Amino acid sequence: MQRSDFQYHLPDAQIARHPCKVRSASRLLCINPDLDEMRDGHFSDFPGKLNRGDLLVFNDTRVIPARLLGTKESGGRVEVLVERITGDHQVLAHVRASKSPRPGGRLLLDASISAQVIERVNDLFRLEFTGKETVLDLLEAHGHVPLPPYINRSDEPQDHERYQTIYAKTPGAVAAPTAGLHFDDNIMQQIQARGVDSAFVTLHVGAGTFQPLRVDKLEDHVMHHEWYEINAETCRKIAETRERGGRVVAVGTTVVRTLEAAVKDGLPEPGRGETNLFITPGYRFHCVDALLTNFHLPESTLLMLVCAFAGYSRMMQAYRHAIEQGYRFYSYGDAMFIESRDTT
C-alpha cells in the first residue's frame, strides 16, 4: 500500500487544542466490524460496551515535562525535546535551532540548566546535563509539557494534569497514550462494577508517534523504537481471559504494539526491551480482541495500525463519518471503540 492511501482532509476547527472540561465528556464512535455498523455515542457509554470477564489493558507510562527552551552559547535560540532518558544525567533529544549544535557545544536552558552536546545520533542528539540533580528531577521542576505540534500553543497549567492519564505511574513518555485520557474515577468504578478486570503494560511513547511517513511505500518505512515492559501478572490475566472466552480490550494503540511485540506462541510473555513493530493492513493479530483509540493523524503509523485492526475500507469510512459529524480529533479529541477486530 501507499502512504497516500491513508490521507484524509480534516477541517482545522476539528483539531482539539484543549481537553473537554470533564475527561469522560468526550464523544465515542462505536464500530462493530462483525455487524458492519457504526453508532455515535458518548464516552460515558463505554462501560456498557464491556462484558463480564473482559480484560482492559492500559498503558501506565507517565509523560515527563520533556521540553526545555533556551539558547546556544553562540546566542541562537534552541528548543530541546527529550526523547529518552538514558542515564541520570544523559538523554537522547531532538534539538531545534537555526543551525544544528556541534559536539562539544553547550546549551543554556530554562532555570540556568546547562547541557553539553556529546554527539549526534541520527536525527537525535546525546546531551549531558551538568550539576547534581538528575535529568528527571530537572525536567519535573523546570520542563514544559510536550504538547503535540498540531496543538500549536504553549502549555498551560491544566495540561500538567490533563495531558496525563489518571493511572500514569512509570515516567518516561514524551507523548500521552491518548486513549486513556478519557478515563476518570467514575468510569473506572463503573467498569470494575461490571466484573471487568484490568491489567497494565508500560510503553514510553516517543515523539516519533507524530511523524508521518517520509516514504511512499509502506514497506520502505523504518519504524522508530520505543521502550516497553510487560509483567507476569498481565500475561497471566491475558491467558486466563482468553481461556474463559473473554475479550482482551486494548486501551490505545500503544497497548496493541506492546502486547503484539511480546507475543510468543500465540500469547505475550513477560519481558522488557525495545519495539519497532510496524503494524499495517494484512497483519495477523494474536491477542487483542477489541480496541479503544483516538482519531489519528493522516498518513501516520497509528492510522495504519487501526486500519489493520478494523479493515482499511471500514476505517476510512469511519473517519469520513467522524469528520461529517463534527468529532474532535487527535490527542485531546474524541474516541472510537472497535468492538472486535476485522477477520475478513
Protein backbone atom coordinates (compact mmCIF):
# COMPACT_ATOMS: atom_id res chain seq x y z
CA MET A 1 0.00 0.00 0.00
CA GLN A 2 0.97 3.62 -0.48
CA ARG A 3 1.29 6.36 2.13
CA SER A 4 -1.29 8.37 0.17
CA ASP A 5 -3.90 5.65 0.82
CA PHE A 6 -4.08 6.95 4.40
CA GLN A 7 -4.64 10.60 3.58
CA TYR A 8 -7.80 12.49 4.55
CA HIS A 9 -8.78 16.13 4.91
CA LEU A 10 -9.65 17.42 8.37
CA PRO A 11 -11.06 20.93 8.88
CA ASP A 12 -8.78 22.87 11.22
CA ALA A 13 -11.69 23.60 13.56
CA GLN A 14 -11.95 19.88 14.40
CA ILE A 15 -8.44 19.67 15.85
CA ALA A 16 -8.94 19.55 19.63
CA ARG A 17 -6.49 22.08 21.05
CA HIS A 18 -7.89 21.92 24.58
CA PRO A 19 -9.34 19.00 26.54
CA CYS A 20 -13.00 18.64 27.45
CA LYS A 21 -13.88 20.17 30.83
CA VAL A 22 -14.67 16.65 32.05
CA ARG A 23 -12.48 13.76 30.90
CA SER A 24 -15.35 11.38 30.18
CA ALA A 25 -17.48 14.00 28.41
CA SER A 26 -15.91 13.22 25.03
CA ARG A 27 -17.83 11.54 22.23
CA LEU A 28 -17.44 7.87 21.30
CA LEU A 29 -17.87 6.33 17.86
CA CYS A 30 -18.61 2.61 18.22
CA ILE A 31 -17.66 0.34 15.33
CA ASN A 32 -18.63 -3.31 15.10
CA PRO A 33 -16.90 -4.99 12.16
CA ASP A 34 -18.93 -8.18 12.71
CA LEU A 35 -22.23 -6.35 12.22
CA ASP A 36 -20.73 -3.79 9.82
CA GLU A 37 -22.25 -0.90 11.75
CA MET A 38 -21.25 2.43 13.33
CA ARG A 39 -23.03 4.16 16.18
CA ASP A 40 -22.49 7.64 17.60
CA GLY A 41 -22.41 7.95 21.36
CA HIS A 42 -20.52 9.36 24.32
CA PHE A 43 -17.63 8.01 26.34
CA SER A 44 -19.96 7.58 29.30
CA ASP A 45 -21.45 4.70 27.23
CA PHE A 46 -18.13 2.83 27.20
CA PRO A 47 -18.57 0.73 30.38
CA GLY A 48 -21.81 -0.63 28.93
CA LYS A 49 -19.92 -1.90 25.89
CA LEU A 50 -17.87 -4.26 28.06
CA ASN A 51 -18.83 -7.74 29.21
CA ARG A 52 -18.20 -9.53 32.48
CA GLY A 53 -14.99 -11.47 32.00
CA ASP A 54 -13.40 -8.95 29.62
CA LEU A 55 -9.94 -7.60 30.41
CA LEU A 56 -8.96 -3.97 29.85
CA VAL A 57 -5.23 -3.45 29.31
CA PHE A 58 -3.87 0.05 30.00
CA ASN A 59 -0.50 1.71 29.35
CA ASP A 60 0.70 3.15 32.67
CA THR A 61 3.50 5.27 31.22
CA ARG A 62 3.80 8.76 32.68
CA VAL A 63 4.50 11.79 30.48
CA ILE A 64 7.54 13.76 31.60
CA PRO A 65 7.79 17.55 31.10
CA ALA A 66 10.25 16.89 28.32
CA ARG A 67 10.52 20.30 26.58
CA LEU A 68 13.18 22.86 27.55
CA LEU A 69 13.82 26.25 25.97
CA GLY A 70 16.99 28.30 25.86
CA THR A 71 19.96 29.34 23.75
CA LYS A 72 23.23 28.00 22.43
CA GLU A 73 26.46 29.50 23.72
CA SER A 74 26.55 31.50 20.50
CA GLY A 75 23.23 33.11 21.44
CA GLY A 76 20.94 31.38 18.95
CA ARG A 77 17.59 30.21 20.27
CA VAL A 78 17.16 26.48 20.87
CA GLU A 79 14.39 24.09 21.86
CA VAL A 80 15.15 20.69 23.37
CA LEU A 81 12.63 17.85 23.39
CA VAL A 82 13.91 14.88 25.36
CA GLU A 83 13.11 11.65 23.52
CA ARG A 84 14.61 9.25 26.05
CA ILE A 85 16.43 9.46 29.36
CA THR A 86 19.47 7.18 29.06
CA GLY A 87 21.11 7.84 32.44
CA ASP A 88 20.95 10.08 35.49
CA HIS A 89 22.49 12.93 33.51
CA GLN A 90 22.22 11.90 29.85
CA VAL A 91 19.41 11.95 27.32
CA LEU A 92 18.70 11.48 23.64
CA ALA A 93 16.86 14.54 22.43
CA HIS A 94 15.50 16.42 19.47
CA VAL A 95 17.20 19.82 19.23
CA ARG A 96 15.59 22.58 17.18
CA ALA A 97 17.79 25.52 16.28
CA SER A 98 18.60 27.67 13.26
CA LYS A 99 21.85 25.71 12.97
CA SER A 100 22.37 22.27 14.48
CA PRO A 101 24.63 22.30 17.53
CA ARG A 102 28.03 20.64 17.25
CA PRO A 103 29.56 18.08 19.61
CA GLY A 104 31.21 19.90 22.48
CA GLY A 105 28.79 22.82 22.28
CA ARG A 106 26.84 23.92 25.33
CA LEU A 107 23.15 24.68 25.63
CA LEU A 108 21.86 27.16 28.23
CA LEU A 109 18.29 26.17 29.05
CA ASP A 110 15.43 27.06 31.42
CA ALA A 111 16.33 27.97 35.01
CA SER A 112 20.09 28.11 34.34
CA ILE A 113 20.20 24.46 33.27
CA SER A 114 23.32 23.64 31.30
CA ALA A 115 23.73 20.73 28.89
CA GLN A 116 26.66 19.72 26.70
CA VAL A 117 26.24 18.18 23.26
CA ILE A 118 28.08 14.84 23.27
CA GLU A 119 27.29 13.51 19.81
CA ARG A 120 24.69 13.30 17.10
CA VAL A 121 22.79 10.01 16.80
CA ASN A 122 20.87 10.02 13.51
CA ASP A 123 18.11 12.64 13.99
CA LEU A 124 18.78 12.95 17.72
CA PHE A 125 21.49 14.44 19.92
CA ARG A 126 23.05 12.90 23.00
CA LEU A 127 23.16 15.56 25.72
CA GLU A 128 24.79 15.51 29.16
CA PHE A 129 23.38 17.76 31.87
CA THR A 130 25.69 19.27 34.44
CA GLY A 131 25.00 19.56 38.17
CA LYS A 132 23.99 17.13 40.91
CA GLU A 133 20.27 16.87 40.08
CA THR A 134 19.17 14.06 37.81
CA VAL A 135 17.70 14.83 34.42
CA LEU A 136 14.28 13.61 35.57
CA ASP A 137 14.35 15.92 38.60
CA LEU A 138 15.37 18.87 36.40
CA LEU A 139 12.57 18.19 33.94
CA GLU A 140 9.95 17.73 36.64
CA ALA A 141 10.96 21.04 38.19
CA HIS A 142 11.52 23.17 35.08
CA GLY A 143 10.33 21.39 31.94
CA HIS A 144 7.30 22.16 29.80
CA VAL A 145 4.57 19.67 28.90
CA PRO A 146 5.48 18.32 25.43
CA LEU A 147 2.18 19.04 23.71
CA PRO A 148 1.89 17.66 20.16
CA PRO A 149 2.88 20.10 17.40
CA TYR A 150 -0.65 20.32 15.94
CA ILE A 151 -2.00 21.78 19.20
CA ASN A 152 0.04 24.84 18.27
CA ARG A 153 0.10 26.62 21.62
CA SER A 154 2.26 26.83 24.71
CA ASP A 155 1.49 24.51 27.58
CA GLU A 156 -0.88 25.81 30.25
CA PRO A 157 -1.26 24.81 33.93
CA GLN A 158 -4.17 22.45 33.18
CA ASP A 159 -2.02 20.49 30.72
CA HIS A 160 0.17 19.19 33.54
CA GLU A 161 -2.83 17.20 34.76
CA ARG A 162 -4.91 16.66 31.63
CA TYR A 163 -2.12 15.52 29.29
CA GLN A 164 -1.68 12.60 31.68
CA THR A 165 -3.85 9.57 32.41
CA ILE A 166 -5.24 9.22 35.94
CA TYR A 167 -3.37 5.91 36.30
CA ALA A 168 0.01 7.14 34.98
CA LYS A 169 2.79 5.59 37.04
CA THR A 170 6.09 4.99 35.25
CA PRO A 171 7.83 8.18 33.99
CA GLY A 172 9.38 8.14 30.54
CA ALA A 173 6.91 9.10 27.80
CA VAL A 174 7.09 12.32 25.81
CA ALA A 175 3.59 11.85 24.40
CA ALA A 176 0.48 10.66 26.19
CA PRO A 177 -1.22 7.34 25.45
CA THR A 178 -4.26 9.36 24.45
CA ALA A 179 -6.99 6.71 24.53
CA GLY A 180 -6.50 6.66 28.29
CA LEU A 181 -7.14 10.38 28.73
CA HIS A 182 -10.94 9.80 28.70
CA PHE A 183 -10.97 7.71 31.89
CA ASP A 184 -11.90 9.27 35.23
CA ASP A 185 -12.58 7.72 38.62
CA ASN A 186 -16.30 7.33 37.94
CA ILE A 187 -15.72 5.44 34.68
CA MET A 188 -13.15 3.18 36.33
CA GLN A 189 -15.58 2.35 39.15
CA GLN A 190 -18.34 1.51 36.65
CA ILE A 191 -16.01 -0.80 34.75
CA GLN A 192 -14.97 -2.62 37.90
CA ALA A 193 -18.64 -2.98 38.98
CA ARG A 194 -19.39 -4.78 35.70
CA GLY A 195 -16.91 -7.54 36.53
CA VAL A 196 -14.30 -6.30 34.06
CA ASP A 197 -10.70 -6.80 35.17
CA SER A 198 -7.75 -4.51 34.42
CA ALA A 199 -4.07 -5.03 33.68
CA PHE A 200 -1.16 -2.75 32.81
CA VAL A 201 1.80 -2.60 30.47
CA THR A 202 4.34 0.17 30.02
CA LEU A 203 5.36 1.65 26.69
CA HIS A 204 7.14 5.00 26.74
CA VAL A 205 5.60 6.83 23.81
CA GLY A 206 8.18 8.76 21.78
CA ALA A 207 7.88 11.88 19.65
CA GLY A 208 8.13 9.66 16.58
CA THR A 209 4.48 8.77 17.11
CA PHE A 210 3.56 12.10 15.47
CA GLN A 211 5.80 11.68 12.45
CA PRO A 212 4.09 10.88 9.13
CA LEU A 213 5.85 8.51 6.77
CA ARG A 214 8.58 10.04 4.62
CA VAL A 215 8.46 7.29 2.00
CA ASP A 216 5.71 6.41 -0.47
CA LYS A 217 5.64 2.64 0.05
CA LEU A 218 4.78 1.30 3.49
CA GLU A 219 7.36 -1.47 3.22
CA ASP A 220 10.13 1.14 2.88
CA HIS A 221 9.34 2.81 6.21
CA VAL A 222 11.77 2.38 9.13
CA MET A 223 9.75 2.42 12.35
CA HIS A 224 11.00 4.31 15.41
CA HIS A 225 11.90 2.35 18.56
CA GLU A 226 10.03 2.65 21.86
CA TRP A 227 10.81 1.01 25.21
CA TYR A 228 8.23 -1.35 26.71
CA GLU A 229 7.72 -3.69 29.64
CA ILE A 230 5.08 -6.32 30.37
CA ASN A 231 4.99 -8.24 33.66
CA ALA A 232 3.98 -11.79 34.54
CA GLU A 233 0.69 -10.76 36.16
CA THR A 234 -0.55 -9.08 32.99
CA CYS A 235 0.47 -12.09 30.90
CA ARG A 236 -1.34 -14.39 33.31
CA LYS A 237 -4.52 -12.32 33.16
CA ILE A 238 -4.46 -12.30 29.36
CA ALA A 239 -4.07 -16.07 29.21
CA GLU A 240 -6.91 -16.59 31.69
CA THR A 241 -9.16 -14.16 29.80
CA ARG A 242 -8.60 -15.97 26.51
CA GLU A 243 -9.19 -19.34 28.19
CA ARG A 244 -12.58 -18.32 29.61
CA GLY A 245 -13.72 -16.73 26.35
CA GLY A 246 -13.45 -13.09 27.45
CA ARG A 247 -12.07 -10.28 25.30
CA VAL A 248 -8.70 -8.62 25.67
CA VAL A 249 -9.51 -4.93 25.15
CA ALA A 250 -6.53 -2.69 24.41
CA VAL A 251 -6.79 0.89 25.63
CA GLY A 252 -4.82 2.54 22.86
CA THR A 253 -2.51 1.62 20.01
CA THR A 254 0.49 1.63 22.36
CA VAL A 255 -1.02 -1.30 24.25
CA VAL A 256 -1.60 -3.13 20.96
CA ARG A 257 2.04 -2.70 19.95
CA THR A 258 3.28 -3.80 23.37
CA LEU A 259 1.17 -6.94 23.51
CA GLU A 260 1.87 -7.93 19.92
CA ALA A 261 5.61 -7.29 20.33
CA ALA A 262 5.67 -9.56 23.39
CA VAL A 263 3.80 -12.47 21.75
CA LYS A 264 5.43 -15.88 21.60
CA ASP A 265 3.44 -18.98 20.68
CA GLY A 266 0.21 -17.00 20.49
CA LEU A 267 0.35 -15.22 23.87
CA PRO A 268 2.51 -12.42 25.30
CA GLU A 269 5.35 -13.35 27.62
CA PRO A 270 6.88 -11.21 30.39
CA GLY A 271 9.81 -9.06 29.38
CA ARG A 272 11.17 -5.66 28.57
CA GLY A 273 13.03 -4.15 25.67
CA GLU A 274 12.50 -2.03 22.59
CA THR A 275 9.97 -2.50 19.84
CA ASN A 276 9.80 -1.06 16.36
CA LEU A 277 6.84 -3.21 15.35
CA PHE A 278 5.09 -1.58 12.39
CA ILE A 279 1.53 -2.90 12.03
CA THR A 280 -0.11 -2.39 8.63
CA PRO A 281 -3.12 -3.90 6.85
CA GLY A 282 -2.59 -7.61 6.40
CA TYR A 283 -1.03 -8.07 9.85
CA ARG A 284 -2.37 -11.07 11.81
CA PHE A 285 -3.22 -10.08 15.39
CA HIS A 286 -2.55 -12.61 18.13
CA CYS A 287 -4.04 -11.47 21.42
CA VAL A 288 -6.05 -8.24 21.08
CA ASP A 289 -9.79 -8.64 20.51
CA ALA A 290 -11.12 -5.06 20.78
CA LEU A 291 -9.57 -1.61 20.71
CA LEU A 292 -10.32 1.79 22.20
CA THR A 293 -8.45 4.54 20.38
CA ASN A 294 -8.49 8.21 19.45
CA PHE A 295 -8.55 9.60 15.89
CA HIS A 296 -5.07 9.74 14.40
CA LEU A 297 -3.12 11.95 12.02
CA PRO A 298 -3.27 11.35 8.25
CA GLU A 299 -0.50 9.10 6.89
CA SER A 300 0.56 8.16 10.43
CA THR A 301 1.66 4.71 11.56
CA LEU A 302 -1.14 4.77 14.15
CA LEU A 303 -3.83 5.19 11.50
CA MET A 304 -2.26 2.29 9.60
CA LEU A 305 -2.42 0.12 12.72
CA VAL A 306 -6.10 0.90 13.26
CA CYS A 307 -6.84 0.16 9.60
CA ALA A 308 -5.10 -3.19 10.04
CA PHE A 309 -7.27 -3.92 13.06
CA ALA A 310 -10.70 -2.90 11.74
CA GLY A 311 -10.23 -3.19 7.98
CA TYR A 312 -8.96 -0.44 5.69
CA SER A 313 -12.20 0.47 3.88
CA ARG A 314 -14.27 0.33 7.06
CA MET A 315 -11.87 2.54 8.98
CA MET A 316 -11.51 5.19 6.29
CA GLN A 317 -15.31 5.26 6.07
CA ALA A 318 -15.44 5.74 9.85
CA TYR A 319 -13.06 8.70 9.61
CA ARG A 320 -15.21 10.30 6.91
CA HIS A 321 -18.25 9.79 9.14
CA ALA A 322 -16.50 11.32 12.16
CA ILE A 323 -15.50 14.38 10.14
CA GLU A 324 -19.04 14.83 8.80
CA GLN A 325 -20.47 14.51 12.32
CA GLY A 326 -18.07 17.06 13.80
CA TYR A 327 -16.00 14.80 16.07
CA ARG A 328 -12.92 16.36 17.70
CA PHE A 329 -9.64 14.82 16.55
CA TYR A 330 -6.22 13.85 17.93
CA SER A 331 -4.78 13.80 21.45
CA TYR A 332 -7.40 15.92 23.23
CA GLY A 333 -10.17 14.76 20.92
CA ASP A 334 -12.90 12.13 20.91
CA ALA A 335 -12.56 8.34 20.85
CA MET A 336 -13.72 5.30 18.94
CA PHE A 337 -14.31 1.78 20.19
CA ILE A 338 -13.72 -1.03 17.71
CA GLU A 339 -15.69 -3.84 19.33
CA SER A 340 -13.93 -6.69 17.51
CA ARG A 341 -11.08 -6.95 15.12
CA ASP A 342 -11.61 -7.48 11.41
CA THR A 343 -11.39 -11.15 10.47
CA THR A 344 -12.01 -10.84 6.74
